[in-house]
Amino acid sequence: MNETKYGKYIIDTPRVGRLGYGVLPEGEKMKGRTMSHTYIDEALIEGVAKHVFISGIHTVPDPNPWLEFHAHPHDEILLFMGTDPHDIERLGAEVEILIGDEKESHVINKTSGVYIPRGVKHILIYRKVDRPHFLVGFSMSGEYR
């Protein structure tokens, strides 16, 4: 879509792959979720200082958790988005998120947004998935680090 003045800002072909901090050995296929689809970052749009990915979750992922307990050098926002058009707040899953060095536990069981300040460790553990939903991540940096 780069033929027009603003076409370079419309990304309809994402970069698909694994993001950092994964526990799955390279080459092994994840079960229960799609690979991360990156639609916005500095590699796709020059000068953008954000990174946006989306993953579809359809069963409890394997491995679970699929990431290490980790922190980023940038703020991060996670959106757990339900897919029921008649009840958008229905997530159809139960996800435990452990936050901070003390691993403070919170359960996400409806459509929710989570703000993770830079440097704060966190991890997602899926307890159940009854309905497919989306996990969308926004990194306040031009790349996922």
N, C-alpha and C. Protein backbone atom coordinates (compact mmCIF):
# COMPACT_ATOMS: atom_id res chain seq x y z
N MET A 1 0.82 -1.21 0.00
CA MET A 1 0.00 0.00 0.00
C MET A 1 0.86 1.26 0.00
N ASN A 2 2.09 1.18 -0.43
CA ASN A 2 2.99 2.33 -0.40
C ASN A 2 2.86 3.26 -1.60
N GLU A 3 1.89 3.03 -2.50
CA GLU A 3 1.79 3.84 -3.70
C GLU A 3 1.27 5.25 -3.45
N THR A 4 0.66 5.49 -2.31
CA THR A 4 0.09 6.80 -2.02
C THR A 4 0.82 7.45 -0.85
N LYS A 5 0.50 8.69 -0.61
CA LYS A 5 1.16 9.45 0.46
C LYS A 5 1.03 8.77 1.82
N TYR A 6 -0.16 8.26 2.14
CA TYR A 6 -0.39 7.68 3.46
C TYR A 6 -0.50 6.16 3.44
N GLY A 7 -0.35 5.56 2.27
CA GLY A 7 -0.44 4.11 2.16
C GLY A 7 0.59 3.37 2.99
N LYS A 8 1.75 4.01 3.22
CA LYS A 8 2.80 3.35 4.02
C LYS A 8 2.39 3.15 5.47
N TYR A 9 1.32 3.80 5.90
CA TYR A 9 0.85 3.66 7.28
C TYR A 9 -0.21 2.57 7.45
N ILE A 10 -0.56 1.90 6.37
CA ILE A 10 -1.56 0.84 6.43
C ILE A 10 -0.84 -0.49 6.22
N ILE A 11 -0.78 -1.29 7.26
CA ILE A 11 -0.08 -2.57 7.22
C ILE A 11 -1.11 -3.70 7.17
N ASP A 12 -1.22 -4.34 6.01
CA ASP A 12 -2.17 -5.44 5.90
C ASP A 12 -1.47 -6.80 5.78
N THR A 13 -0.16 -6.78 5.80
CA THR A 13 0.64 -8.01 5.82
C THR A 13 1.56 -7.93 7.02
N PRO A 14 1.19 -8.59 8.12
CA PRO A 14 1.99 -8.49 9.34
C PRO A 14 3.26 -9.32 9.25
N ARG A 15 4.16 -9.05 10.16
CA ARG A 15 5.32 -9.91 10.37
C ARG A 15 4.88 -10.96 11.40
N VAL A 16 4.97 -12.21 11.04
CA VAL A 16 4.48 -13.29 11.90
C VAL A 16 5.68 -14.03 12.47
N GLY A 17 5.67 -14.23 13.80
CA GLY A 17 6.77 -14.97 14.41
C GLY A 17 6.71 -14.93 15.91
N ARG A 18 7.74 -15.46 16.51
CA ARG A 18 7.83 -15.50 17.96
C ARG A 18 8.46 -14.21 18.47
N LEU A 19 7.95 -13.75 19.60
CA LEU A 19 8.56 -12.60 20.26
C LEU A 19 9.52 -13.13 21.33
N GLY A 20 10.33 -12.27 21.90
CA GLY A 20 11.33 -12.69 22.88
C GLY A 20 10.75 -13.27 24.16
N TYR A 21 11.60 -13.80 25.00
CA TYR A 21 11.27 -14.34 26.33
C TYR A 21 10.53 -15.67 26.26
N GLY A 22 10.48 -16.31 25.10
CA GLY A 22 9.75 -17.56 24.96
C GLY A 22 10.46 -18.73 25.62
N VAL A 23 9.67 -19.71 26.04
CA VAL A 23 10.23 -20.91 26.67
C VAL A 23 10.27 -22.09 25.70
N LEU A 24 9.63 -21.96 24.54
CA LEU A 24 9.56 -23.04 23.57
C LEU A 24 10.85 -23.07 22.75
N PRO A 25 11.50 -24.23 22.64
CA PRO A 25 12.72 -24.30 21.83
C PRO A 25 12.44 -23.89 20.38
N GLU A 26 13.40 -23.25 19.75
CA GLU A 26 13.27 -22.80 18.37
C GLU A 26 12.88 -23.97 17.47
N GLY A 27 11.94 -23.75 16.60
CA GLY A 27 11.51 -24.77 15.66
C GLY A 27 10.31 -25.59 16.14
N GLU A 28 10.01 -25.59 17.44
CA GLU A 28 8.85 -26.33 17.94
C GLU A 28 7.60 -25.47 17.79
N LYS A 29 6.50 -26.11 17.46
CA LYS A 29 5.26 -25.41 17.20
C LYS A 29 4.44 -25.24 18.48
N MET A 30 3.94 -24.04 18.68
CA MET A 30 3.06 -23.72 19.81
C MET A 30 1.70 -24.34 19.57
N LYS A 31 1.05 -24.77 20.64
CA LYS A 31 -0.31 -25.28 20.55
C LYS A 31 -1.24 -24.36 21.33
N GLY A 32 -2.45 -24.16 20.83
CA GLY A 32 -3.45 -23.39 21.54
C GLY A 32 -3.51 -21.91 21.21
N ARG A 33 -2.55 -21.42 20.44
CA ARG A 33 -2.55 -20.00 20.08
C ARG A 33 -1.81 -19.82 18.77
N THR A 34 -2.09 -18.70 18.12
CA THR A 34 -1.38 -18.38 16.89
C THR A 34 -0.02 -17.77 17.23
N MET A 35 0.84 -17.70 16.26
CA MET A 35 2.08 -16.96 16.42
C MET A 35 1.70 -15.48 16.56
N SER A 36 2.60 -14.69 17.08
CA SER A 36 2.35 -13.26 17.20
C SER A 36 2.40 -12.61 15.82
N HIS A 37 1.39 -11.81 15.54
CA HIS A 37 1.31 -11.06 14.28
C HIS A 37 1.58 -9.59 14.61
N THR A 38 2.74 -9.10 14.18
CA THR A 38 3.11 -7.70 14.43
C THR A 38 2.62 -6.84 13.28
N TYR A 39 1.80 -5.84 13.61
CA TYR A 39 1.24 -4.94 12.60
C TYR A 39 1.88 -3.56 12.62
N ILE A 40 2.41 -3.16 13.77
CA ILE A 40 3.02 -1.84 13.88
C ILE A 40 4.34 -1.97 14.62
N ASP A 41 5.42 -1.48 14.03
CA ASP A 41 6.70 -1.31 14.71
C ASP A 41 7.62 -0.54 13.77
N GLU A 42 8.83 -0.22 14.27
CA GLU A 42 9.75 0.59 13.47
C GLU A 42 10.22 -0.11 12.21
N ALA A 43 10.25 -1.44 12.21
CA ALA A 43 10.67 -2.17 11.01
C ALA A 43 9.62 -2.08 9.90
N LEU A 44 8.36 -1.92 10.27
CA LEU A 44 7.28 -1.84 9.28
C LEU A 44 6.94 -0.41 8.89
N ILE A 45 7.05 0.51 9.85
CA ILE A 45 6.76 1.93 9.58
C ILE A 45 7.90 2.75 10.18
N GLU A 46 8.70 3.31 9.33
CA GLU A 46 9.87 4.07 9.77
C GLU A 46 9.47 5.20 10.71
N GLY A 47 10.15 5.25 11.85
CA GLY A 47 9.96 6.34 12.80
C GLY A 47 8.86 6.14 13.82
N VAL A 48 8.06 5.07 13.69
CA VAL A 48 7.00 4.85 14.67
C VAL A 48 7.64 4.33 15.96
N ALA A 49 7.22 4.86 17.07
CA ALA A 49 7.82 4.49 18.36
C ALA A 49 6.87 3.60 19.17
N LYS A 50 6.17 2.71 18.49
CA LYS A 50 5.26 1.77 19.14
C LYS A 50 5.41 0.40 18.48
N HIS A 51 5.02 -0.64 19.20
CA HIS A 51 4.99 -2.00 18.66
C HIS A 51 3.64 -2.60 19.04
N VAL A 52 2.92 -3.15 18.06
CA VAL A 52 1.60 -3.73 18.32
C VAL A 52 1.57 -5.13 17.73
N PHE A 53 1.20 -6.10 18.59
CA PHE A 53 1.03 -7.47 18.11
C PHE A 53 -0.34 -7.98 18.52
N ILE A 54 -0.79 -9.03 17.83
CA ILE A 54 -2.03 -9.69 18.18
C ILE A 54 -1.82 -11.20 18.06
N SER A 55 -2.40 -11.93 19.00
CA SER A 55 -2.39 -13.39 18.95
C SER A 55 -3.80 -13.89 19.20
N GLY A 56 -4.18 -14.92 18.50
CA GLY A 56 -5.46 -15.58 18.74
C GLY A 56 -5.25 -16.75 19.69
N ILE A 57 -6.04 -16.81 20.75
CA ILE A 57 -5.96 -17.90 21.72
C ILE A 57 -7.21 -18.75 21.55
N HIS A 58 -7.05 -20.04 21.26
CA HIS A 58 -8.24 -20.88 21.05
C HIS A 58 -8.34 -22.04 22.02
N THR A 59 -7.26 -22.44 22.65
CA THR A 59 -7.27 -23.41 23.76
C THR A 59 -6.16 -23.00 24.72
N VAL A 60 -6.08 -23.66 25.85
CA VAL A 60 -4.99 -23.36 26.77
C VAL A 60 -3.68 -23.63 26.01
N PRO A 61 -2.81 -22.62 25.93
CA PRO A 61 -1.56 -22.79 25.17
C PRO A 61 -0.68 -23.89 25.76
N ASP A 62 0.12 -24.48 24.90
CA ASP A 62 1.10 -25.49 25.31
C ASP A 62 2.39 -25.17 24.57
N PRO A 63 3.45 -24.77 25.30
CA PRO A 63 3.56 -24.77 26.75
C PRO A 63 2.78 -23.63 27.39
N ASN A 64 2.54 -23.78 28.67
CA ASN A 64 1.81 -22.79 29.46
C ASN A 64 2.49 -22.66 30.82
N PRO A 65 3.11 -21.54 31.12
CA PRO A 65 3.18 -20.32 30.31
C PRO A 65 4.12 -20.50 29.13
N TRP A 66 3.92 -19.67 28.10
CA TRP A 66 4.79 -19.75 26.93
C TRP A 66 5.93 -18.73 27.01
N LEU A 67 5.89 -17.87 28.02
CA LEU A 67 6.95 -16.89 28.23
C LEU A 67 7.58 -17.09 29.61
N GLU A 68 8.80 -16.63 29.75
CA GLU A 68 9.44 -16.59 31.06
C GLU A 68 8.88 -15.43 31.87
N PHE A 69 9.07 -15.44 33.18
CA PHE A 69 8.79 -14.29 34.03
C PHE A 69 9.78 -13.22 33.58
N HIS A 70 9.29 -12.09 33.03
CA HIS A 70 10.16 -11.14 32.36
C HIS A 70 9.69 -9.70 32.55
N ALA A 71 10.58 -8.78 32.21
CA ALA A 71 10.28 -7.34 32.24
C ALA A 71 10.77 -6.74 30.92
N HIS A 72 10.23 -5.57 30.59
CA HIS A 72 10.63 -4.85 29.39
C HIS A 72 11.26 -3.50 29.76
N PRO A 73 12.13 -2.96 28.90
CA PRO A 73 12.67 -1.63 29.13
C PRO A 73 11.72 -0.54 28.65
N HIS A 74 10.45 -0.89 28.47
CA HIS A 74 9.42 0.05 28.02
C HIS A 74 8.10 -0.34 28.66
N ASP A 75 7.17 0.59 28.74
CA ASP A 75 5.82 0.28 29.23
C ASP A 75 5.14 -0.65 28.23
N GLU A 76 4.19 -1.45 28.74
CA GLU A 76 3.44 -2.36 27.88
C GLU A 76 1.97 -2.35 28.29
N ILE A 77 1.09 -2.43 27.32
CA ILE A 77 -0.34 -2.57 27.57
C ILE A 77 -0.78 -3.87 26.93
N LEU A 78 -1.49 -4.70 27.71
CA LEU A 78 -2.04 -5.95 27.21
C LEU A 78 -3.55 -5.84 27.21
N LEU A 79 -4.18 -6.20 26.10
CA LEU A 79 -5.64 -6.24 26.01
C LEU A 79 -6.05 -7.70 25.81
N PHE A 80 -6.92 -8.16 26.67
CA PHE A 80 -7.53 -9.48 26.54
C PHE A 80 -8.93 -9.20 25.99
N MET A 81 -9.16 -9.56 24.73
CA MET A 81 -10.37 -9.13 24.03
C MET A 81 -11.26 -10.31 23.67
N GLY A 82 -12.48 -10.30 24.24
CA GLY A 82 -13.46 -11.32 23.92
C GLY A 82 -13.94 -11.19 22.48
N THR A 83 -14.49 -12.28 21.95
CA THR A 83 -14.92 -12.29 20.55
C THR A 83 -16.42 -12.51 20.39
N ASP A 84 -17.17 -12.47 21.48
CA ASP A 84 -18.63 -12.65 21.39
C ASP A 84 -19.25 -11.31 21.02
N PRO A 85 -19.79 -11.16 19.80
CA PRO A 85 -20.34 -9.87 19.39
C PRO A 85 -21.58 -9.46 20.17
N HIS A 86 -22.21 -10.39 20.88
CA HIS A 86 -23.40 -10.08 21.67
C HIS A 86 -23.05 -9.75 23.12
N ASP A 87 -21.82 -10.03 23.52
CA ASP A 87 -21.36 -9.74 24.89
C ASP A 87 -19.85 -9.53 24.83
N ILE A 88 -19.43 -8.34 24.44
CA ILE A 88 -18.02 -8.05 24.21
C ILE A 88 -17.18 -8.18 25.49
N GLU A 89 -17.81 -8.11 26.65
CA GLU A 89 -17.07 -8.25 27.91
C GLU A 89 -16.78 -9.71 28.25
N ARG A 90 -17.42 -10.65 27.56
CA ARG A 90 -17.20 -12.07 27.81
C ARG A 90 -15.88 -12.50 27.19
N LEU A 91 -14.89 -12.80 28.00
CA LEU A 91 -13.59 -13.22 27.50
C LEU A 91 -13.63 -14.69 27.08
N GLY A 92 -14.28 -15.53 27.87
CA GLY A 92 -14.30 -16.95 27.57
C GLY A 92 -13.02 -17.64 27.98
N ALA A 93 -12.31 -17.07 28.94
CA ALA A 93 -11.05 -17.65 29.42
C ALA A 93 -10.77 -17.16 30.83
N GLU A 94 -9.86 -17.85 31.47
CA GLU A 94 -9.36 -17.41 32.77
C GLU A 94 -7.85 -17.41 32.70
N VAL A 95 -7.27 -16.24 32.90
CA VAL A 95 -5.83 -16.05 32.79
C VAL A 95 -5.32 -15.47 34.10
N GLU A 96 -4.32 -16.12 34.68
CA GLU A 96 -3.68 -15.55 35.87
C GLU A 96 -2.48 -14.76 35.38
N ILE A 97 -2.36 -13.53 35.86
CA ILE A 97 -1.18 -12.72 35.56
C ILE A 97 -0.47 -12.46 36.89
N LEU A 98 0.82 -12.78 36.91
CA LEU A 98 1.65 -12.51 38.08
C LEU A 98 2.47 -11.27 37.77
N ILE A 99 2.42 -10.29 38.68
CA ILE A 99 3.04 -8.99 38.42
C ILE A 99 3.98 -8.63 39.56
N GLY A 100 5.17 -8.12 39.21
CA GLY A 100 6.13 -7.64 40.19
C GLY A 100 6.99 -8.76 40.74
N ASP A 101 8.08 -8.36 41.41
CA ASP A 101 9.00 -9.34 41.98
C ASP A 101 8.30 -10.27 42.97
N GLU A 102 7.26 -9.75 43.63
CA GLU A 102 6.51 -10.55 44.61
C GLU A 102 5.48 -11.46 43.95
N LYS A 103 5.36 -11.39 42.62
CA LYS A 103 4.43 -12.20 41.83
C LYS A 103 2.99 -12.06 42.34
N GLU A 104 2.57 -10.79 42.50
CA GLU A 104 1.20 -10.50 42.89
C GLU A 104 0.25 -11.09 41.84
N SER A 105 -0.72 -11.88 42.28
CA SER A 105 -1.60 -12.62 41.39
C SER A 105 -2.91 -11.87 41.13
N HIS A 106 -3.30 -11.81 39.84
CA HIS A 106 -4.58 -11.25 39.43
C HIS A 106 -5.18 -12.19 38.39
N VAL A 107 -6.49 -12.38 38.43
CA VAL A 107 -7.17 -13.24 37.49
C VAL A 107 -7.96 -12.39 36.51
N ILE A 108 -7.71 -12.62 35.23
CA ILE A 108 -8.43 -11.95 34.15
C ILE A 108 -9.46 -12.96 33.63
N ASN A 109 -10.76 -12.61 33.73
CA ASN A 109 -11.79 -13.53 33.24
C ASN A 109 -12.89 -12.81 32.46
N LYS A 110 -12.62 -11.56 32.11
CA LYS A 110 -13.50 -10.83 31.20
C LYS A 110 -12.62 -9.89 30.39
N THR A 111 -13.15 -9.34 29.32
CA THR A 111 -12.36 -8.44 28.49
C THR A 111 -11.74 -7.37 29.39
N SER A 112 -10.42 -7.23 29.29
CA SER A 112 -9.68 -6.36 30.23
C SER A 112 -8.46 -5.76 29.55
N GLY A 113 -8.01 -4.65 30.11
CA GLY A 113 -6.75 -4.04 29.74
C GLY A 113 -5.83 -4.06 30.95
N VAL A 114 -4.54 -4.32 30.71
CA VAL A 114 -3.55 -4.36 31.78
C VAL A 114 -2.38 -3.48 31.38
N TYR A 115 -2.02 -2.56 32.27
CA TYR A 115 -0.85 -1.69 32.05
C TYR A 115 0.31 -2.25 32.86
N ILE A 116 1.44 -2.49 32.20
CA ILE A 116 2.65 -2.98 32.86
C ILE A 116 3.73 -1.89 32.72
N PRO A 117 4.10 -1.23 33.83
CA PRO A 117 5.16 -0.22 33.73
C PRO A 117 6.51 -0.84 33.35
N ARG A 118 7.35 -0.06 32.69
CA ARG A 118 8.68 -0.55 32.31
C ARG A 118 9.41 -1.08 33.54
N GLY A 119 10.13 -2.18 33.34
CA GLY A 119 10.93 -2.76 34.41
C GLY A 119 10.17 -3.66 35.36
N VAL A 120 8.86 -3.76 35.23
CA VAL A 120 8.06 -4.60 36.14
C VAL A 120 7.91 -5.99 35.53
N LYS A 121 8.34 -7.01 36.26
CA LYS A 121 8.26 -8.38 35.76
C LYS A 121 6.81 -8.85 35.75
N HIS A 122 6.52 -9.75 34.80
CA HIS A 122 5.16 -10.28 34.68
C HIS A 122 5.18 -11.59 33.90
N ILE A 123 4.10 -12.35 34.05
CA ILE A 123 3.94 -13.61 33.32
C ILE A 123 2.45 -13.93 33.25
N LEU A 124 2.03 -14.55 32.15
CA LEU A 124 0.64 -14.96 31.95
C LEU A 124 0.57 -16.48 32.06
N ILE A 125 -0.43 -16.96 32.83
CA ILE A 125 -0.67 -18.40 32.96
C ILE A 125 -2.14 -18.64 32.66
N TYR A 126 -2.41 -19.37 31.59
CA TYR A 126 -3.79 -19.66 31.23
C TYR A 126 -4.33 -20.80 32.08
N ARG A 127 -5.47 -20.59 32.72
CA ARG A 127 -6.12 -21.61 33.55
C ARG A 127 -7.19 -22.36 32.76
N LYS A 128 -7.92 -21.66 31.89
CA LYS A 128 -8.89 -22.32 31.03
C LYS A 128 -9.24 -21.40 29.87
N VAL A 129 -9.68 -22.03 28.78
CA VAL A 129 -10.16 -21.30 27.60
C VAL A 129 -11.42 -22.02 27.12
N ASP A 130 -12.55 -21.33 27.23
CA ASP A 130 -13.83 -21.88 26.78
C ASP A 130 -14.24 -21.34 25.41
N ARG A 131 -13.64 -20.22 25.03
CA ARG A 131 -14.01 -19.55 23.78
C ARG A 131 -12.76 -18.83 23.24
N PRO A 132 -12.54 -18.85 21.94
CA PRO A 132 -11.41 -18.12 21.39
C PRO A 132 -11.49 -16.62 21.72
N HIS A 133 -10.34 -16.03 21.92
CA HIS A 133 -10.25 -14.59 22.17
C HIS A 133 -8.91 -14.08 21.63
N PHE A 134 -8.73 -12.78 21.71
CA PHE A 134 -7.50 -12.17 21.23
C PHE A 134 -6.69 -11.59 22.39
N LEU A 135 -5.38 -11.75 22.28
CA LEU A 135 -4.43 -11.07 23.16
C LEU A 135 -3.71 -10.05 22.28
N VAL A 136 -3.84 -8.77 22.63
CA VAL A 136 -3.20 -7.70 21.87
C VAL A 136 -2.22 -7.00 22.80
N GLY A 137 -1.00 -6.80 22.32
CA GLY A 137 0.03 -6.13 23.11
C GLY A 137 0.51 -4.87 22.44
N PHE A 138 0.64 -3.81 23.24
CA PHE A 138 1.15 -2.53 22.78
C PHE A 138 2.41 -2.22 23.58
N SER A 139 3.55 -2.15 22.91
CA SER A 139 4.80 -1.77 23.56
C SER A 139 5.07 -0.31 23.25
N MET A 140 5.39 0.44 24.26
CA MET A 140 5.64 1.87 24.10
C MET A 140 7.09 2.08 23.65
N SER A 141 7.44 1.35 22.60
CA SER A 141 8.76 1.37 22.00
C SER A 141 8.58 0.92 20.56
N GLY A 142 9.46 1.25 19.69
CA GLY A 142 9.34 0.87 18.29
C GLY A 142 9.61 -0.59 18.02
N GLU A 143 10.01 -1.35 19.05
CA GLU A 143 10.23 -2.77 18.89
C GLU A 143 9.94 -3.48 20.21
N TYR A 144 9.64 -4.75 20.13
CA TYR A 144 9.40 -5.56 21.32
C TYR A 144 10.76 -5.96 21.87
N ARG A 145 11.04 -5.54 23.09
CA ARG A 145 12.33 -5.88 23.72
C ARG A 145 12.09 -6.42 25.10
